[in-house]
Amino acid sequence: MSDTIVIDSLDDVLTGAPFRERHTRRVDLPMAEVWPALLACELDEIAVFGPLMRLRTLPGRLLGRETALDQMPSGPMLDMMTETEFRYLRRDEEPVDGRGLVMFGAIGQFWKPVGNKPIDLDSLAEHLAFNEPNHAIIAASLEAVDHGDHVELITETRVKGTDAGANRKFAPYWALIRLPSGFIRRCWLAAIERTARGESRNAA
């Protein structure tokens, strides 16, 4: 990324978010094995993602609209997310001082059954400065922290409307997606551990 802005945590991106969720997983492996797995973990390793995404995009597909499914790449989960709906806010290629961090975000009117494609912004600065009314800002992170005898995987998602009306519109959508979205993230952490161990959910 060409942005010179340095962000170190979600607090640098989005504070006071009324919608948020956090999940953790302990992995008893060294960081040298866990971090490459976090970056490389394949979309296919997360079994629930496909069915839940098809459900989410059903209204648009019934109307013949283009959805995220139409442009979904194969390969690492992070590539899928940042090539379809999200943009990188930060991506560490290597951990620094025992910590590796990936942050990604999106801005849009996600509560709409159709016409909910995120806004295409050119830079991190634009993302951080965005304040147009009637939109929701999503910021999420995937982090690995080395505790010596294990690595802690952490994923957190925050969402905040740009105004009170956007928060009211997003609230019912959050109530609908929070459980399946959290399930996807827990499955993602488990898939990262399997990848680090050289295992696969499709193994015979």
N, C-alpha and C. Protein backbone atom coordinates (compact mmCIF):
# COMPACT_ATOMS: atom_id res chain seq x y z
N MET A 1 0.84 -1.19 0.00
CA MET A 1 0.00 0.00 0.00
C MET A 1 0.88 1.25 0.00
N SER A 2 0.43 2.28 -0.68
CA SER A 2 1.23 3.48 -0.81
C SER A 2 0.99 4.49 0.31
N ASP A 3 -0.04 4.29 1.11
CA ASP A 3 -0.35 5.24 2.16
C ASP A 3 0.81 5.34 3.15
N THR A 4 1.12 6.57 3.58
CA THR A 4 2.18 6.76 4.57
C THR A 4 1.63 6.82 5.98
N ILE A 5 0.31 6.83 6.14
CA ILE A 5 -0.31 6.83 7.46
C ILE A 5 -0.05 5.48 8.12
N VAL A 6 0.36 5.50 9.37
CA VAL A 6 0.61 4.27 10.12
C VAL A 6 -0.49 4.09 11.15
N ILE A 7 -1.14 2.95 11.11
CA ILE A 7 -2.16 2.64 12.10
C ILE A 7 -1.73 1.38 12.84
N ASP A 8 -1.92 1.39 14.16
CA ASP A 8 -1.40 0.32 14.98
C ASP A 8 -2.49 -0.55 15.60
N SER A 9 -3.72 -0.07 15.57
CA SER A 9 -4.82 -0.85 16.14
C SER A 9 -6.13 -0.33 15.58
N LEU A 10 -7.21 -1.03 15.86
CA LEU A 10 -8.51 -0.58 15.41
C LEU A 10 -8.91 0.76 16.04
N ASP A 11 -8.34 1.07 17.20
CA ASP A 11 -8.63 2.36 17.82
C ASP A 11 -8.15 3.52 16.96
N ASP A 12 -7.17 3.28 16.10
CA ASP A 12 -6.69 4.32 15.19
C ASP A 12 -7.61 4.50 13.99
N VAL A 13 -8.54 3.56 13.82
CA VAL A 13 -9.42 3.57 12.65
C VAL A 13 -10.85 3.90 13.03
N LEU A 14 -11.34 3.29 14.11
CA LEU A 14 -12.76 3.43 14.44
C LEU A 14 -12.94 3.29 15.95
N THR A 15 -13.42 4.35 16.58
CA THR A 15 -13.72 4.31 18.01
C THR A 15 -15.21 4.54 18.22
N GLY A 16 -15.68 4.15 19.39
CA GLY A 16 -17.08 4.35 19.73
C GLY A 16 -18.04 3.56 18.86
N ALA A 17 -17.58 2.44 18.34
CA ALA A 17 -18.43 1.63 17.46
C ALA A 17 -19.51 0.92 18.29
N PRO A 18 -20.79 1.10 17.95
CA PRO A 18 -21.85 0.43 18.71
C PRO A 18 -22.01 -1.04 18.37
N PHE A 19 -21.43 -1.46 17.25
CA PHE A 19 -21.53 -2.85 16.83
C PHE A 19 -20.12 -3.43 16.77
N ARG A 20 -19.88 -4.46 17.56
CA ARG A 20 -18.53 -5.01 17.60
C ARG A 20 -18.56 -6.45 18.07
N GLU A 21 -17.55 -7.19 17.63
CA GLU A 21 -17.43 -8.59 18.03
C GLU A 21 -15.95 -8.98 18.00
N ARG A 22 -15.55 -9.82 18.97
CA ARG A 22 -14.15 -10.21 19.10
C ARG A 22 -14.07 -11.70 19.42
N HIS A 23 -13.14 -12.39 18.76
CA HIS A 23 -12.95 -13.83 19.00
C HIS A 23 -11.46 -14.12 19.09
N THR A 24 -11.10 -15.09 19.91
CA THR A 24 -9.70 -15.46 20.07
C THR A 24 -9.55 -16.98 19.99
N ARG A 25 -8.32 -17.40 19.71
CA ARG A 25 -8.02 -18.84 19.69
C ARG A 25 -6.55 -19.03 20.07
N ARG A 26 -6.30 -19.98 20.94
CA ARG A 26 -4.93 -20.32 21.34
C ARG A 26 -4.41 -21.40 20.38
N VAL A 27 -3.20 -21.18 19.88
CA VAL A 27 -2.57 -22.15 18.98
C VAL A 27 -1.21 -22.50 19.57
N ASP A 28 -1.01 -23.76 19.90
CA ASP A 28 0.23 -24.20 20.53
C ASP A 28 1.28 -24.54 19.47
N LEU A 29 1.65 -23.52 18.71
CA LEU A 29 2.68 -23.63 17.68
C LEU A 29 3.50 -22.33 17.69
N PRO A 30 4.70 -22.35 17.13
CA PRO A 30 5.51 -21.12 17.10
C PRO A 30 4.96 -20.11 16.08
N MET A 31 5.25 -18.85 16.33
CA MET A 31 4.79 -17.79 15.44
C MET A 31 5.28 -18.01 14.01
N ALA A 32 6.48 -18.57 13.86
CA ALA A 32 7.05 -18.79 12.52
C ALA A 32 6.18 -19.72 11.68
N GLU A 33 5.35 -20.53 12.32
CA GLU A 33 4.44 -21.41 11.59
C GLU A 33 3.04 -20.81 11.49
N VAL A 34 2.65 -20.06 12.50
CA VAL A 34 1.28 -19.54 12.53
C VAL A 34 1.10 -18.35 11.58
N TRP A 35 2.06 -17.42 11.56
CA TRP A 35 1.85 -16.21 10.76
C TRP A 35 1.76 -16.48 9.26
N PRO A 36 2.65 -17.30 8.68
CA PRO A 36 2.47 -17.61 7.25
C PRO A 36 1.14 -18.29 6.97
N ALA A 37 0.68 -19.11 7.92
CA ALA A 37 -0.62 -19.77 7.74
C ALA A 37 -1.76 -18.76 7.77
N LEU A 38 -1.64 -17.75 8.61
CA LEU A 38 -2.68 -16.71 8.68
C LEU A 38 -2.81 -16.00 7.33
N LEU A 39 -1.69 -15.70 6.70
CA LEU A 39 -1.72 -15.00 5.41
C LEU A 39 -2.18 -15.90 4.28
N ALA A 40 -1.89 -17.19 4.39
CA ALA A 40 -2.12 -18.10 3.26
C ALA A 40 -3.38 -18.93 3.39
N CYS A 41 -4.05 -18.90 4.53
CA CYS A 41 -5.21 -19.77 4.76
C CYS A 41 -6.22 -19.65 3.62
N GLU A 42 -6.57 -20.77 3.02
CA GLU A 42 -7.43 -20.79 1.84
C GLU A 42 -8.90 -20.62 2.19
N LEU A 43 -9.59 -19.94 1.29
CA LEU A 43 -11.04 -19.77 1.42
C LEU A 43 -11.75 -21.11 1.54
N ASP A 44 -11.29 -22.11 0.79
CA ASP A 44 -11.94 -23.43 0.80
C ASP A 44 -11.85 -24.12 2.15
N GLU A 45 -10.93 -23.67 3.01
CA GLU A 45 -10.79 -24.29 4.33
C GLU A 45 -11.90 -23.84 5.28
N ILE A 46 -12.66 -22.82 4.91
CA ILE A 46 -13.72 -22.29 5.78
C ILE A 46 -15.05 -22.76 5.20
N ALA A 47 -15.50 -23.92 5.64
CA ALA A 47 -16.62 -24.60 5.00
C ALA A 47 -17.90 -23.79 5.01
N VAL A 48 -18.13 -23.02 6.07
CA VAL A 48 -19.42 -22.33 6.21
C VAL A 48 -19.48 -21.05 5.39
N PHE A 49 -18.35 -20.60 4.86
CA PHE A 49 -18.35 -19.29 4.21
C PHE A 49 -19.22 -19.27 2.95
N GLY A 50 -19.04 -20.26 2.10
CA GLY A 50 -19.79 -20.29 0.85
C GLY A 50 -21.29 -20.28 1.04
N PRO A 51 -21.85 -21.21 1.85
CA PRO A 51 -23.31 -21.21 2.05
C PRO A 51 -23.84 -19.92 2.65
N LEU A 52 -23.13 -19.34 3.61
CA LEU A 52 -23.62 -18.10 4.22
C LEU A 52 -23.52 -16.92 3.26
N MET A 53 -22.48 -16.89 2.43
CA MET A 53 -22.37 -15.83 1.43
C MET A 53 -23.47 -15.96 0.38
N ARG A 54 -23.81 -17.18 0.00
CA ARG A 54 -24.90 -17.36 -0.98
C ARG A 54 -26.22 -16.88 -0.40
N LEU A 55 -26.42 -17.10 0.90
CA LEU A 55 -27.65 -16.62 1.54
C LEU A 55 -27.68 -15.11 1.57
N ARG A 56 -26.55 -14.50 1.90
CA ARG A 56 -26.48 -13.05 2.00
C ARG A 56 -26.74 -12.38 0.65
N THR A 57 -26.24 -12.98 -0.44
CA THR A 57 -26.35 -12.35 -1.75
C THR A 57 -27.58 -12.81 -2.52
N LEU A 58 -28.45 -13.59 -1.88
CA LEU A 58 -29.63 -14.13 -2.57
C LEU A 58 -30.51 -13.05 -3.20
N PRO A 59 -30.86 -11.96 -2.48
CA PRO A 59 -31.72 -10.95 -3.11
C PRO A 59 -31.15 -10.40 -4.41
N GLY A 60 -29.87 -10.09 -4.41
CA GLY A 60 -29.26 -9.56 -5.61
C GLY A 60 -29.23 -10.57 -6.74
N ARG A 61 -28.95 -11.81 -6.42
CA ARG A 61 -28.90 -12.84 -7.46
C ARG A 61 -30.28 -13.11 -8.05
N LEU A 62 -31.32 -13.05 -7.22
CA LEU A 62 -32.69 -13.25 -7.73
C LEU A 62 -33.08 -12.13 -8.70
N LEU A 63 -32.52 -10.94 -8.49
CA LEU A 63 -32.80 -9.81 -9.37
C LEU A 63 -31.83 -9.73 -10.55
N GLY A 64 -30.94 -10.70 -10.64
CA GLY A 64 -29.98 -10.71 -11.73
C GLY A 64 -28.86 -9.71 -11.58
N ARG A 65 -28.64 -9.20 -10.36
CA ARG A 65 -27.59 -8.22 -10.12
C ARG A 65 -26.25 -8.91 -9.89
N GLU A 66 -25.17 -8.20 -10.16
CA GLU A 66 -23.84 -8.71 -9.85
C GLU A 66 -23.64 -8.65 -8.34
N THR A 67 -23.09 -9.70 -7.77
CA THR A 67 -22.82 -9.75 -6.33
C THR A 67 -21.36 -10.12 -6.10
N ALA A 68 -20.98 -10.12 -4.82
CA ALA A 68 -19.60 -10.49 -4.48
C ALA A 68 -19.26 -11.90 -4.93
N LEU A 69 -20.27 -12.77 -5.01
CA LEU A 69 -20.01 -14.14 -5.45
C LEU A 69 -19.53 -14.19 -6.89
N ASP A 70 -19.97 -13.24 -7.72
CA ASP A 70 -19.62 -13.25 -9.13
C ASP A 70 -18.15 -12.94 -9.38
N GLN A 71 -17.51 -12.25 -8.44
CA GLN A 71 -16.12 -11.88 -8.62
C GLN A 71 -15.22 -12.49 -7.55
N MET A 72 -15.72 -13.51 -6.87
CA MET A 72 -14.97 -14.10 -5.77
C MET A 72 -13.81 -14.93 -6.30
N PRO A 73 -12.57 -14.58 -5.93
CA PRO A 73 -11.43 -15.37 -6.38
C PRO A 73 -11.27 -16.62 -5.53
N SER A 74 -10.48 -17.55 -6.03
CA SER A 74 -10.06 -18.66 -5.20
C SER A 74 -8.73 -18.27 -4.57
N GLY A 75 -8.32 -19.03 -3.57
CA GLY A 75 -7.05 -18.72 -2.94
C GLY A 75 -7.23 -18.28 -1.50
N PRO A 76 -6.27 -17.52 -0.97
CA PRO A 76 -6.32 -17.11 0.43
C PRO A 76 -7.57 -16.30 0.77
N MET A 77 -8.10 -16.53 1.96
CA MET A 77 -9.29 -15.81 2.42
C MET A 77 -9.06 -14.31 2.40
N LEU A 78 -7.88 -13.85 2.80
CA LEU A 78 -7.60 -12.42 2.81
C LEU A 78 -7.68 -11.82 1.42
N ASP A 79 -7.21 -12.55 0.41
CA ASP A 79 -7.31 -12.06 -0.96
C ASP A 79 -8.76 -11.93 -1.39
N MET A 80 -9.56 -12.93 -1.02
CA MET A 80 -10.98 -12.89 -1.38
C MET A 80 -11.64 -11.66 -0.79
N MET A 81 -11.38 -11.39 0.48
CA MET A 81 -12.04 -10.28 1.15
C MET A 81 -11.62 -8.93 0.57
N THR A 82 -10.33 -8.79 0.28
CA THR A 82 -9.84 -7.48 -0.16
C THR A 82 -9.99 -7.28 -1.66
N GLU A 83 -10.34 -8.32 -2.41
CA GLU A 83 -10.58 -8.17 -3.84
C GLU A 83 -12.06 -8.04 -4.16
N THR A 84 -12.92 -8.28 -3.17
CA THR A 84 -14.35 -8.21 -3.45
C THR A 84 -15.03 -7.08 -2.68
N GLU A 85 -14.82 -6.97 -1.38
CA GLU A 85 -15.59 -6.02 -0.59
C GLU A 85 -14.75 -5.10 0.29
N PHE A 86 -13.63 -5.57 0.78
CA PHE A 86 -12.83 -4.80 1.73
C PHE A 86 -11.57 -4.24 1.07
N ARG A 87 -10.93 -3.30 1.75
CA ARG A 87 -9.60 -2.84 1.36
C ARG A 87 -8.67 -3.00 2.55
N TYR A 88 -7.41 -3.27 2.26
CA TYR A 88 -6.43 -3.35 3.33
C TYR A 88 -6.24 -1.99 3.97
N LEU A 89 -6.23 -1.96 5.29
CA LEU A 89 -5.83 -0.78 6.04
C LEU A 89 -4.40 -0.94 6.56
N ARG A 90 -4.03 -2.19 6.77
CA ARG A 90 -2.65 -2.52 7.15
C ARG A 90 -2.46 -4.02 6.90
N ARG A 91 -1.28 -4.38 6.44
CA ARG A 91 -0.95 -5.80 6.27
C ARG A 91 0.53 -5.99 6.57
N ASP A 92 0.82 -6.67 7.65
CA ASP A 92 2.20 -7.02 8.00
C ASP A 92 2.60 -8.28 7.24
N GLU A 93 3.70 -8.22 6.54
CA GLU A 93 4.18 -9.43 5.88
C GLU A 93 4.94 -10.32 6.86
N GLU A 94 5.51 -9.71 7.89
CA GLU A 94 6.21 -10.45 8.95
C GLU A 94 5.81 -9.85 10.29
N PRO A 95 5.76 -10.65 11.35
CA PRO A 95 5.50 -10.11 12.69
C PRO A 95 6.64 -9.19 13.13
N VAL A 96 6.30 -8.22 13.96
CA VAL A 96 7.27 -7.30 14.53
C VAL A 96 7.15 -7.37 16.05
N ASP A 97 8.26 -7.70 16.71
CA ASP A 97 8.27 -7.81 18.17
C ASP A 97 7.18 -8.74 18.67
N GLY A 98 7.03 -9.88 17.99
CA GLY A 98 6.09 -10.90 18.45
C GLY A 98 4.64 -10.62 18.13
N ARG A 99 4.37 -9.69 17.24
CA ARG A 99 2.99 -9.36 16.89
C ARG A 99 2.87 -9.12 15.39
N GLY A 100 1.87 -9.75 14.79
CA GLY A 100 1.56 -9.52 13.39
C GLY A 100 0.13 -9.07 13.27
N LEU A 101 -0.14 -8.14 12.35
CA LEU A 101 -1.46 -7.54 12.27
C LEU A 101 -1.88 -7.31 10.82
N VAL A 102 -3.12 -7.67 10.55
CA VAL A 102 -3.76 -7.33 9.28
C VAL A 102 -5.05 -6.59 9.64
N MET A 103 -5.28 -5.44 9.00
CA MET A 103 -6.53 -4.70 9.21
C MET A 103 -7.15 -4.41 7.85
N PHE A 104 -8.48 -4.50 7.79
CA PHE A 104 -9.18 -4.24 6.54
C PHE A 104 -10.50 -3.56 6.86
N GLY A 105 -11.02 -2.84 5.90
CA GLY A 105 -12.24 -2.08 6.16
C GLY A 105 -13.07 -1.91 4.91
N ALA A 106 -14.29 -1.42 5.12
CA ALA A 106 -15.21 -1.13 4.01
C ALA A 106 -16.22 -0.10 4.48
N ILE A 107 -16.78 0.63 3.52
CA ILE A 107 -17.79 1.65 3.82
C ILE A 107 -18.93 1.49 2.82
N GLY A 108 -20.15 1.43 3.33
CA GLY A 108 -21.28 1.28 2.42
C GLY A 108 -22.59 1.28 3.17
N GLN A 109 -23.64 0.94 2.45
CA GLN A 109 -24.99 0.82 3.01
C GLN A 109 -25.35 -0.66 3.03
N PHE A 110 -24.72 -1.37 3.93
CA PHE A 110 -24.75 -2.83 3.93
C PHE A 110 -26.11 -3.40 4.30
N TRP A 111 -26.97 -2.60 4.90
CA TRP A 111 -28.28 -3.07 5.31
C TRP A 111 -29.23 -3.24 4.13
N LYS A 112 -28.89 -2.68 2.98
CA LYS A 112 -29.76 -2.79 1.81
C LYS A 112 -29.68 -4.20 1.23
N PRO A 113 -30.81 -4.81 0.84
CA PRO A 113 -30.77 -6.14 0.24
C PRO A 113 -30.07 -6.14 -1.12
N VAL A 114 -30.17 -5.02 -1.86
CA VAL A 114 -29.43 -4.83 -3.11
C VAL A 114 -28.84 -3.43 -3.08
N GLY A 115 -27.87 -3.17 -3.96
CA GLY A 115 -27.22 -1.86 -3.96
C GLY A 115 -26.38 -1.62 -2.74
N ASN A 116 -25.80 -2.69 -2.20
CA ASN A 116 -25.03 -2.57 -0.96
C ASN A 116 -23.53 -2.75 -1.18
N LYS A 117 -23.09 -2.57 -2.41
CA LYS A 117 -21.67 -2.72 -2.71
C LYS A 117 -20.88 -1.61 -2.02
N PRO A 118 -19.75 -1.94 -1.40
CA PRO A 118 -18.96 -0.90 -0.72
C PRO A 118 -18.48 0.19 -1.66
N ILE A 119 -18.28 1.37 -1.11
CA ILE A 119 -17.72 2.50 -1.86
C ILE A 119 -16.26 2.22 -2.19
N ASP A 120 -15.87 2.55 -3.40
CA ASP A 120 -14.49 2.35 -3.83
C ASP A 120 -13.68 3.60 -3.50
N LEU A 121 -12.86 3.50 -2.47
CA LEU A 121 -12.01 4.63 -2.07
C LEU A 121 -10.56 4.35 -2.49
N ASP A 122 -9.84 5.41 -2.80
CA ASP A 122 -8.50 5.26 -3.36
C ASP A 122 -7.39 5.13 -2.33
N SER A 123 -7.64 5.54 -1.10
CA SER A 123 -6.53 5.58 -0.14
C SER A 123 -7.03 5.36 1.28
N LEU A 124 -6.08 5.02 2.14
CA LEU A 124 -6.38 4.90 3.56
C LEU A 124 -6.83 6.24 4.12
N ALA A 125 -6.22 7.33 3.67
CA ALA A 125 -6.61 8.66 4.15
C ALA A 125 -8.08 8.94 3.85
N GLU A 126 -8.54 8.57 2.66
CA GLU A 126 -9.95 8.76 2.32
C GLU A 126 -10.85 7.94 3.23
N HIS A 127 -10.42 6.72 3.51
CA HIS A 127 -11.21 5.84 4.38
C HIS A 127 -11.34 6.47 5.77
N LEU A 128 -10.24 6.95 6.31
CA LEU A 128 -10.25 7.49 7.66
C LEU A 128 -11.04 8.79 7.75
N ALA A 129 -11.08 9.55 6.65
CA ALA A 129 -11.74 10.85 6.67
C ALA A 129 -13.21 10.79 6.27
N PHE A 130 -13.68 9.65 5.83
CA PHE A 130 -15.04 9.56 5.28
C PHE A 130 -16.09 9.90 6.34
N ASN A 131 -17.02 10.78 5.99
CA ASN A 131 -18.08 11.15 6.94
C ASN A 131 -19.40 11.46 6.26
N GLU A 132 -19.61 10.99 5.04
CA GLU A 132 -20.88 11.22 4.38
C GLU A 132 -22.00 10.53 5.15
N PRO A 133 -23.13 11.18 5.32
CA PRO A 133 -24.21 10.58 6.10
C PRO A 133 -24.79 9.33 5.44
N ASN A 134 -25.49 8.54 6.28
CA ASN A 134 -26.24 7.37 5.81
C ASN A 134 -25.35 6.25 5.28
N HIS A 135 -24.22 6.06 5.92
CA HIS A 135 -23.31 4.97 5.58
C HIS A 135 -22.81 4.31 6.87
N ALA A 136 -22.35 3.08 6.72
CA ALA A 136 -21.72 2.36 7.83
C ALA A 136 -20.26 2.13 7.50
N ILE A 137 -19.42 2.30 8.50
CA ILE A 137 -17.98 2.08 8.36
C ILE A 137 -17.62 0.80 9.10
N ILE A 138 -17.00 -0.12 8.38
CA ILE A 138 -16.55 -1.38 8.98
C ILE A 138 -15.03 -1.37 9.07
N ALA A 139 -14.51 -1.74 10.22
CA ALA A 139 -13.07 -1.94 10.40
C ALA A 139 -12.89 -3.28 11.11
N ALA A 140 -12.00 -4.09 10.59
CA ALA A 140 -11.78 -5.43 11.17
C ALA A 140 -10.29 -5.73 11.20
N SER A 141 -9.93 -6.62 12.10
CA SER A 141 -8.52 -6.98 12.23
C SER A 141 -8.37 -8.48 12.43
N LEU A 142 -7.21 -8.95 12.03
CA LEU A 142 -6.78 -10.32 12.26
C LEU A 142 -5.36 -10.22 12.78
N GLU A 143 -5.15 -10.72 14.00
CA GLU A 143 -3.90 -10.46 14.70
C GLU A 143 -3.35 -11.75 15.30
N ALA A 144 -2.03 -11.84 15.35
CA ALA A 144 -1.36 -12.95 16.02
C ALA A 144 -0.36 -12.38 17.01
N VAL A 145 -0.42 -12.87 18.25
CA VAL A 145 0.46 -12.39 19.32
C VAL A 145 1.22 -13.58 19.89
N ASP A 146 2.54 -13.46 19.91
CA ASP A 146 3.41 -14.53 20.40
C ASP A 146 3.54 -14.43 21.92
N HIS A 147 3.08 -15.47 22.62
CA HIS A 147 3.19 -15.51 24.08
C HIS A 147 4.28 -16.46 24.55
N GLY A 148 5.15 -16.87 23.64
CA GLY A 148 6.26 -17.75 24.01
C GLY A 148 5.90 -19.21 23.87
N ASP A 149 4.98 -19.70 24.71
CA ASP A 149 4.59 -21.11 24.63
C ASP A 149 3.38 -21.32 23.72
N HIS A 150 2.80 -20.24 23.22
CA HIS A 150 1.69 -20.36 22.28
C HIS A 150 1.48 -19.03 21.57
N VAL A 151 0.70 -19.08 20.52
CA VAL A 151 0.31 -17.88 19.78
C VAL A 151 -1.18 -17.66 19.98
N GLU A 152 -1.55 -16.44 20.27
CA GLU A 152 -2.96 -16.10 20.39
C GLU A 152 -3.42 -15.45 19.09
N LEU A 153 -4.43 -16.04 18.48
CA LEU A 153 -5.06 -15.46 17.30
C LEU A 153 -6.27 -14.63 17.75
N ILE A 154 -6.40 -13.45 17.21
CA ILE A 154 -7.48 -12.54 17.60
C ILE A 154 -8.12 -11.96 16.35
N THR A 155 -9.42 -12.01 16.27
CA THR A 155 -10.11 -11.30 15.21
C THR A 155 -11.17 -10.41 15.84
N GLU A 156 -11.24 -9.17 15.37
CA GLU A 156 -12.21 -8.21 15.90
C GLU A 156 -12.85 -7.46 14.75
N THR A 157 -14.14 -7.21 14.87
CA THR A 157 -14.89 -6.44 13.88
C THR A 157 -15.63 -5.32 14.58
N ARG A 158 -15.55 -4.12 14.01
CA ARG A 158 -16.28 -2.97 14.54
C ARG A 158 -17.06 -2.31 13.40
N VAL A 159 -18.26 -1.84 13.72
CA VAL A 159 -19.06 -1.13 12.73
C VAL A 159 -19.69 0.10 13.40
N LYS A 160 -19.64 1.20 12.69
CA LYS A 160 -20.21 2.45 13.20
C LYS A 160 -20.84 3.22 12.05
N GLY A 161 -22.06 3.70 12.25
CA GLY A 161 -22.70 4.53 11.26
C GLY A 161 -22.12 5.93 11.26
N THR A 162 -22.20 6.59 10.11
CA THR A 162 -21.71 7.96 10.02
C THR A 162 -22.70 8.95 10.64
N ASP A 163 -23.89 8.48 10.96
CA ASP A 163 -24.87 9.31 11.67
C ASP A 163 -25.83 8.37 12.40
N ALA A 164 -26.70 8.96 13.21
CA ALA A 164 -27.62 8.16 14.02
C ALA A 164 -28.57 7.35 13.13
N GLY A 165 -28.99 7.93 12.01
CA GLY A 165 -29.88 7.21 11.11
C GLY A 165 -29.24 5.95 10.55
N ALA A 166 -27.97 6.03 10.20
CA ALA A 166 -27.27 4.86 9.68
C ALA A 166 -27.16 3.78 10.75
N ASN A 167 -26.91 4.18 12.00
CA ASN A 167 -26.86 3.18 13.08
C ASN A 167 -28.21 2.49 13.25
N ARG A 168 -29.30 3.25 13.14
CA ARG A 168 -30.63 2.65 13.27
C ARG A 168 -30.90 1.67 12.13
N LYS A 169 -30.47 2.01 10.93
CA LYS A 169 -30.69 1.12 9.79
C LYS A 169 -29.81 -0.12 9.86
N PHE A 170 -28.59 0.06 10.40
CA PHE A 170 -27.67 -1.08 10.45
C PHE A 170 -28.04 -2.05 11.56
N ALA A 171 -28.68 -1.58 12.63
CA ALA A 171 -28.94 -2.42 13.80
C ALA A 171 -29.69 -3.71 13.47
N PRO A 172 -30.81 -3.68 12.70
CA PRO A 172 -31.49 -4.94 12.38
C PRO A 172 -30.63 -5.88 11.54
N TYR A 173 -29.84 -5.30 10.63
CA TYR A 173 -28.95 -6.12 9.81
C TYR A 173 -27.89 -6.79 10.68
N TRP A 174 -27.34 -6.05 11.65
CA TRP A 174 -26.36 -6.63 12.57
C TRP A 174 -26.98 -7.75 13.39
N ALA A 175 -28.21 -7.56 13.84
CA ALA A 175 -28.88 -8.61 14.61
C ALA A 175 -29.03 -9.88 13.78
N LEU A 176 -29.20 -9.70 12.47
CA LEU A 176 -29.37 -10.85 11.57
C LEU A 176 -28.06 -11.56 11.29
N ILE A 177 -26.98 -10.79 11.11
CA ILE A 177 -25.73 -11.40 10.65
C ILE A 177 -24.74 -11.68 11.76
N ARG A 178 -24.97 -11.16 12.96
CA ARG A 178 -23.93 -11.25 13.99
C ARG A 178 -23.54 -12.69 14.29
N LEU A 179 -24.50 -13.56 14.50
CA LEU A 179 -24.17 -14.96 14.84
C LEU A 179 -23.47 -15.66 13.68
N PRO A 180 -24.01 -15.64 12.45
CA PRO A 180 -23.29 -16.30 11.36
C PRO A 180 -21.93 -15.66 11.06
N SER A 181 -21.85 -14.33 11.18
CA SER A 181 -20.57 -13.67 10.94
C SER A 181 -19.54 -14.09 11.98
N GLY A 182 -19.96 -14.16 13.24
CA GLY A 182 -19.05 -14.62 14.29
C GLY A 182 -18.64 -16.07 14.08
N PHE A 183 -19.56 -16.89 13.60
CA PHE A 183 -19.26 -18.30 13.33
C PHE A 183 -18.20 -18.42 12.23
N ILE A 184 -18.35 -17.60 11.18
CA ILE A 184 -17.34 -17.60 10.11
C ILE A 184 -15.98 -17.24 10.68
N ARG A 185 -15.92 -16.26 11.54
CA ARG A 185 -14.62 -15.83 12.08
C ARG A 185 -14.00 -16.87 12.99
N ARG A 186 -14.82 -17.55 13.78
CA ARG A 186 -14.28 -18.64 14.60
C ARG A 186 -13.78 -19.78 13.72
N CYS A 187 -14.51 -20.08 12.66
CA CYS A 187 -14.07 -21.12 11.73
C CYS A 187 -12.79 -20.70 11.01
N TRP A 188 -12.66 -19.41 10.74
CA TRP A 188 -11.44 -18.91 10.10
C TRP A 188 -10.23 -19.11 11.00
N LEU A 189 -10.36 -18.80 12.28
CA LEU A 189 -9.25 -19.01 13.21
C LEU A 189 -8.88 -20.49 13.29
N ALA A 190 -9.89 -21.35 13.30
CA ALA A 190 -9.61 -22.79 13.33
C ALA A 190 -8.92 -23.23 12.04
N ALA A 191 -9.31 -22.65 10.92
CA ALA A 191 -8.69 -23.00 9.64
C ALA A 191 -7.24 -22.54 9.58
N ILE A 192 -6.95 -21.40 10.19
CA ILE A 192 -5.56 -20.93 10.26
C ILE A 192 -4.72 -21.94 11.03
N GLU A 193 -5.25 -22.44 12.15
CA GLU A 193 -4.50 -23.44 12.92
C GLU A 193 -4.28 -24.71 12.09
N ARG A 194 -5.32 -25.18 11.40
CA ARG A 194 -5.15 -26.37 10.56
C ARG A 194 -4.09 -26.14 9.50
N THR A 195 -4.11 -24.96 8.89
CA THR A 195 -3.12 -24.66 7.86
C THR A 195 -1.72 -24.66 8.46
N ALA A 196 -1.56 -24.11 9.65
CA ALA A 196 -0.25 -24.09 10.31
C ALA A 196 0.24 -25.50 10.62
N ARG A 197 -0.70 -26.40 10.87
CA ARG A 197 -0.35 -27.78 11.21
C ARG A 197 -0.22 -28.65 9.96
N GLY A 198 -0.46 -28.06 8.79
CA GLY A 198 -0.38 -28.83 7.55
C GLY A 198 -1.54 -29.76 7.36
N GLU A 199 -2.67 -29.43 7.98
CA GLU A 199 -3.86 -30.26 7.87
C GLU A 199 -4.87 -29.60 6.96
N SER A 200 -5.93 -30.33 6.59
CA SER A 200 -6.97 -29.80 5.74
C SER A 200 -8.31 -30.39 6.14
N ARG A 201 -9.35 -29.59 6.06
CA ARG A 201 -10.68 -30.11 6.37
C ARG A 201 -11.14 -31.12 5.32
N ASN A 202 -10.51 -31.08 4.13
CA ASN A 202 -10.88 -32.00 3.05
C ASN A 202 -10.05 -33.28 3.04
N ALA A 203 -9.16 -33.40 4.04
CA ALA A 203 -8.31 -34.59 4.08
C ALA A 203 -9.15 -35.83 4.32
N ALA A 204 -8.79 -36.89 3.66
CA ALA A 204 -9.52 -38.16 3.80
C ALA A 204 -9.27 -38.76 5.17
